[in-house]
Each structure stands twice: as structure tokens, then as C-alpha cells.
Protein backbone atom coordinates (compact mmCIF):
# COMPACT_ATOMS: atom_id res chain seq x y z
CA MET A 1 -6.53 -7.94 18.60
CA PRO A 2 -6.16 -6.19 15.32
CA LYS A 3 -8.30 -3.11 14.92
CA ILE A 4 -10.12 -2.91 11.56
CA LEU A 5 -12.23 0.20 10.19
CA LEU A 6 -14.85 -0.72 7.86
CA VAL A 7 -16.14 2.25 5.86
CA GLU A 8 -19.32 1.17 3.80
CA ASP A 9 -22.62 2.86 3.17
CA GLU A 10 -24.55 -0.15 2.18
CA THR A 11 -26.22 -1.18 5.60
CA THR A 12 -26.50 -5.02 4.67
CA VAL A 13 -22.93 -5.13 3.46
CA ARG A 14 -21.55 -3.20 6.52
CA GLU A 15 -23.27 -5.27 9.00
CA THR A 16 -22.61 -8.48 7.24
CA LEU A 17 -18.82 -7.81 6.89
CA ALA A 18 -18.53 -6.42 10.48
CA LEU A 19 -20.18 -9.59 12.08
CA ASN A 20 -17.92 -11.84 10.07
CA LEU A 21 -14.98 -10.04 10.95
CA ARG A 22 -15.93 -9.97 14.54
CA ALA A 23 -16.42 -13.77 14.38
CA GLU A 24 -12.72 -13.95 13.27
CA ASN A 25 -11.60 -12.13 16.44
CA TYR A 26 -10.96 -8.60 14.92
CA ASP A 27 -11.96 -5.50 16.72
CA VAL A 28 -14.15 -3.70 14.24
CA LEU A 29 -15.16 -0.12 14.00
CA THR A 30 -17.72 0.92 11.27
CA ALA A 31 -18.57 4.19 9.58
CA SER A 32 -21.32 4.72 6.82
CA ASP A 33 -19.91 7.78 5.06
CA GLY A 34 -16.33 9.02 3.94
CA ALA A 35 -16.23 11.94 6.43
CA GLU A 36 -16.95 9.83 9.32
CA GLY A 37 -14.53 7.18 8.00
CA LEU A 38 -11.73 9.67 7.93
CA ARG A 39 -12.32 10.93 11.44
CA LEU A 40 -12.31 7.58 12.72
CA ALA A 41 -9.21 6.53 10.96
CA ARG A 42 -7.36 9.35 12.35
CA GLU A 43 -8.56 9.08 15.92
CA ALA A 44 -8.67 5.32 16.37
CA ALA A 45 -5.48 4.27 14.50
CA PRO A 46 -6.70 1.23 12.91
CA ASP A 47 -4.56 -1.82 11.62
CA LEU A 48 -6.31 -2.03 8.51
CA ILE A 49 -9.13 -0.13 6.55
CA LEU A 50 -11.87 -1.55 4.29
CA LEU A 51 -13.05 1.25 2.22
CA ASP A 52 -15.83 1.43 -0.14
CA LEU A 53 -15.14 3.53 -3.30
CA MET A 54 -18.75 5.17 -3.68
CA LEU A 55 -19.51 6.97 -0.30
CA PRO A 56 -21.63 10.01 0.81
CA GLU A 57 -19.92 13.12 2.05
CA LEU A 58 -16.50 12.20 0.87
CA ASP A 59 -15.78 9.44 -1.66
CA GLY A 60 -13.23 6.60 -1.03
CA LEU A 61 -10.69 7.84 -3.24
CA SER A 62 -10.56 11.12 -1.50
CA VAL A 63 -10.59 9.58 1.96
CA CYS A 64 -7.48 7.31 0.83
CA ARG A 65 -5.78 10.31 -0.75
CA LEU A 66 -6.02 12.31 2.47
CA LEU A 67 -4.88 9.37 4.80
CA ARG A 68 -1.90 8.73 2.52
CA ARG A 69 -0.52 12.20 3.48
CA ASP A 70 0.48 10.95 6.97
CA SER A 71 -0.50 7.30 7.39
CA ASP A 72 0.72 4.02 5.84
CA VAL A 73 -2.17 1.93 7.24
CA PRO A 74 -3.28 -0.92 4.72
CA ILE A 75 -6.21 0.07 2.64
CA ILE A 76 -8.44 -2.42 0.90
CA MET A 77 -10.71 -0.74 -1.50
CA LEU A 78 -14.41 -2.20 -1.91
CA THR A 79 -16.13 -1.20 -5.16
CA ALA A 80 -18.68 -2.31 -7.70
CA ARG A 81 -16.54 -0.88 -10.36
CA GLY A 82 -13.99 -3.51 -11.62
CA THR A 83 -12.61 -2.16 -14.75
CA GLU A 84 -8.73 -1.98 -15.10
CA MET A 85 -8.82 1.67 -14.93
CA ASP A 86 -10.65 1.66 -11.71
CA ARG A 87 -8.21 -0.68 -10.19
CA ILE A 88 -5.27 1.50 -11.54
CA THR A 89 -6.77 4.57 -10.00
CA GLY A 90 -7.21 3.05 -6.63
CA LEU A 91 -3.78 1.72 -6.53
CA GLU A 92 -2.31 5.12 -7.76
CA THR A 93 -4.43 6.88 -5.00
CA GLY A 94 -2.52 4.73 -2.37
CA ALA A 95 -4.84 1.69 -1.89
CA ASP A 96 -2.89 -1.66 -1.19
CA ASP A 97 -5.52 -4.06 -2.34
CA TYR A 98 -8.85 -3.93 -4.32
CA VAL A 99 -11.94 -6.15 -3.98
CA VAL A 100 -14.71 -6.05 -6.52
CA LYS A 101 -18.50 -6.46 -5.55
CA PRO A 102 -20.19 -8.86 -5.41
CA PHE A 103 -17.48 -10.67 -3.46
CA SER A 104 -17.42 -13.69 -1.25
CA LEU A 105 -16.65 -13.33 2.48
CA GLY A 106 -13.89 -15.88 2.13
CA GLU A 107 -12.15 -13.68 -0.33
CA VAL A 108 -12.36 -10.53 1.69
CA LEU A 109 -11.24 -12.17 4.84
CA ALA A 110 -8.32 -13.85 3.02
CA ARG A 111 -7.34 -10.44 1.83
CA VAL A 112 -7.46 -8.93 5.31
CA ARG A 113 -5.24 -11.71 6.59
CA ALA A 114 -2.77 -11.17 3.95
CA ASN A 115 -2.44 -7.46 4.11
CA LEU A 116 -2.13 -7.56 7.88
CA ARG A 117 0.69 -10.11 7.54
CA ARG A 118 2.49 -7.97 5.13
CA ALA A 119 2.03 -4.93 7.50
CA ARG A 120 3.54 -6.84 10.22
CA ALA A 121 6.56 -7.97 8.25
CA ASP A 122 7.13 -4.48 7.23
CA GLY A 123 7.83 -3.49 10.83
CA ARG A 124 10.72 -5.84 11.19
CA PRO A 125 13.94 -3.91 11.13
CA ALA A 126 17.46 -5.10 10.02
CA ALA A 127 20.40 -3.56 11.56
CA THR A 128 22.16 -2.72 8.34
CA ARG A 129 22.69 0.32 5.95
CA LEU A 130 22.41 0.73 2.50
CA THR A 131 24.31 3.51 0.46
CA ALA A 132 24.51 4.48 -3.23
CA GLY A 133 26.08 7.80 -3.87
CA ASP A 134 24.14 10.59 -1.91
CA LEU A 135 21.53 8.15 -1.04
CA SER A 136 21.48 6.38 2.22
CA LEU A 137 19.04 3.85 3.73
CA ASP A 138 19.00 3.31 7.52
CA LEU A 139 17.35 -0.16 7.74
CA LEU A 140 17.30 -0.08 11.49
CA ALA A 141 15.43 3.15 11.82
CA ARG A 142 13.59 2.79 8.56
CA ARG A 143 14.76 6.18 7.17
CA VAL A 144 16.09 7.45 3.97
CA TYR A 145 18.41 10.42 3.41
CA ARG A 146 19.62 12.03 0.29
CA ASP A 147 22.51 14.66 0.81
CA GLN A 148 21.74 14.61 4.61
CA SER A 149 18.18 15.55 4.01
CA GLU A 150 15.67 12.99 5.14
CA LEU A 151 13.14 11.78 2.50
CA LYS A 152 9.52 10.74 3.43
CA LEU A 153 8.82 7.45 2.06
CA THR A 154 5.86 5.06 2.77
CA HIS A 155 6.57 1.69 4.12
CA ARG A 156 6.09 -0.06 0.78
CA GLU A 157 8.30 2.65 -0.97
CA PHE A 158 11.13 1.93 1.57
CA ASP A 159 10.94 -1.65 1.14
CA LEU A 160 10.91 -1.53 -2.69
CA LEU A 161 13.98 0.79 -2.62
CA ALA A 162 15.75 -1.39 -0.17
CA GLU A 163 15.18 -4.37 -2.34
CA LEU A 164 16.50 -2.65 -5.53
CA MET A 165 19.58 -1.22 -3.68
CA ARG A 166 20.46 -4.52 -2.13
CA ASN A 167 20.63 -5.80 -5.75
CA GLN A 168 22.18 -2.82 -7.49
CA GLY A 169 23.12 -3.38 -11.04
CA ALA A 170 20.92 -6.46 -11.35
CA VAL A 171 17.57 -6.29 -13.44
CA LEU A 172 14.45 -7.43 -11.03
CA SER A 173 11.32 -8.50 -12.74
CA ARG A 174 8.04 -7.03 -11.55
CA ASP A 175 6.89 -10.55 -10.42
CA LEU A 176 10.02 -11.01 -8.32
CA LEU A 177 9.60 -7.41 -6.78
CA LEU A 178 5.94 -8.22 -6.01
CA ASN A 179 6.91 -11.45 -4.24
CA ARG A 180 9.74 -9.93 -2.19
CA VAL A 181 8.17 -6.59 -1.27
CA TRP A 182 4.47 -7.57 -1.23
CA GLY A 183 4.69 -11.28 -0.51
CA TYR A 184 4.15 -14.46 -2.38
CA ASP A 185 0.45 -14.43 -1.39
CA TYR A 186 -0.37 -10.95 -2.66
CA VAL A 187 -3.40 -11.14 -4.78
CA GLY A 188 -3.08 -8.11 -6.82
CA ASP A 189 -1.24 -7.69 -10.13
CA SER A 190 2.18 -6.42 -11.00
CA HIS A 191 0.90 -3.02 -12.19
CA THR A 192 1.37 -1.88 -8.33
CA VAL A 193 5.10 -2.18 -8.83
CA ASP A 194 5.04 0.16 -11.60
CA VAL A 195 2.88 2.64 -9.63
CA HIS A 196 5.27 2.57 -6.67
CA ILE A 197 8.34 2.83 -8.91
CA ARG A 198 6.94 6.09 -10.30
CA TRP A 199 6.36 7.42 -6.68
CA LEU A 200 10.04 6.43 -5.90
CA ARG A 201 11.34 8.09 -8.82
CA GLU A 202 9.52 11.46 -7.93
CA LYS A 203 11.32 11.30 -4.44
CA ILE A 204 14.74 10.16 -5.46
CA GLU A 205 15.45 11.22 -9.05
CA THR A 206 16.58 14.78 -10.13
CA ASP A 207 14.38 14.52 -13.15
CA PRO A 208 11.63 11.62 -12.76
CA SER A 209 10.81 11.90 -16.12
CA ALA A 210 14.42 10.72 -17.17
CA PRO A 211 15.29 8.47 -14.35
CA GLN A 212 18.93 7.77 -13.76
CA ARG A 213 18.79 5.88 -10.49
CA ILE A 214 15.93 3.31 -11.12
CA THR A 215 15.89 2.46 -14.90
CA THR A 216 13.37 0.38 -16.85
CA VAL A 217 14.54 -2.57 -18.65
CA ARG A 218 11.77 -2.83 -21.38
CA GLY A 219 9.67 -6.30 -20.93
CA VAL A 220 11.71 -7.30 -18.07
CA GLY A 221 11.66 -5.04 -15.10
CA TYR A 222 13.85 -2.51 -13.14
CA ARG A 223 17.35 -2.00 -12.41
CA PHE A 224 18.97 0.14 -9.73
CA GLU A 225 21.98 1.96 -11.28
CA GLY A 226 23.25 3.88 -8.19
């Protein structure tokens, strides 16, 4: 039974969501503030976190940022602030998805199912290795090395880099990368690809501001040069 942590300070929203998630056969833990949510996230190891943005004690962005230091657990942000900049900020902090209040229970449940499916798919290894210059990906162990030194990549960064390296020299559109890495049923937008590309460049490029490995093809997408 998948375990879901729901961090929400509005009692009615928290109790309603928890009730409906349990009706879908999820094991649900709840927290009413960010500090408690962070503690439960680290102690209970949930399979997915529903995280409100505006929380007492510790806001949702701070909780997400702290968790992303050592966890790849799927995080869906819940917020009443739905501007494009708010969504970008949430994605850049490390959220996997974003739901704007007021939302329907059906939408939240669909996003939970989609993110859990992607998380399970991310764990399927392939007994192959990809190499390009001093960069090497062990797809079986899901490890990345540069000059024999291991790089710390998130699951999504790893899969994105693997997809780019498999198609070295070819231009891959944002929509194509979104479908292949996040899944065809992903309900977010292609901006998340740009965010993860920037994070990848910070880890594999000598100079992320002048990338040589992952180049941008303006108006189209990205190409892995090797």
C-alpha cells in the first residue's frame, strides 16, 4: 500500500483529502505545519508527499528545498497561488507537480496516481552503460561518473541525461523529453524540462553558463554533444 504524507494546515482540506486518499487504499500520514511535515517525511519515508505552499513554522518551499538535499520522493505542491512565477518557483525548488486551489478531488487523485506510476517506472534498471568522453552512466546501478568521480543526480536528472545521451547528436524537443522522461500522462508543462536541464548543466558542465555537452537549439529543444 503506497504511503502518502499530506502536509496541509487547513483542517477541512487536510481531513477531506486524507479521507478520500484512504478510500483509494493509500496509507495516509498528515501534518499541519512544515516542521512536522519535514520530520515525518524523514522518519516515515513516504512514497509521495502532498505539500501545501503556505504553512506555519516552515513554509512549503523550504520543506521541499530541504528534502531535495537527500530525497527524490515525488512532491506535489498544493497552493492558492497559481501565477506562472509561483509554478516556476515551485518546480525550481524541486517539486514534481503543482495543483492550484480550489481543486477537484478527482484532479488531485489523478496527479497522485500519475506521479506514483512515474516513480515506480524510474526504478526499473537496464543492464546497459552509456559513455561520452569522461562521462559514464551505469544504467543498472543508476550511477553517473565523470573522471571516475561519482556525480549525485536525482532520479529525474538521471533519466533526462540518459535520454539525451542515448540520442547523442540529435535534437530532442521539450515535448518529446517530457513524454519520454516524465511520461505521456504528465499534467505539467514543458518548463520543467528547462529547469532540469539547468540543474544537469550545473553538475556535468565545466562552465554551466556556456554549456558544451547539452546545447540549446533555439525554438526546438536540446542536443547532447558528448
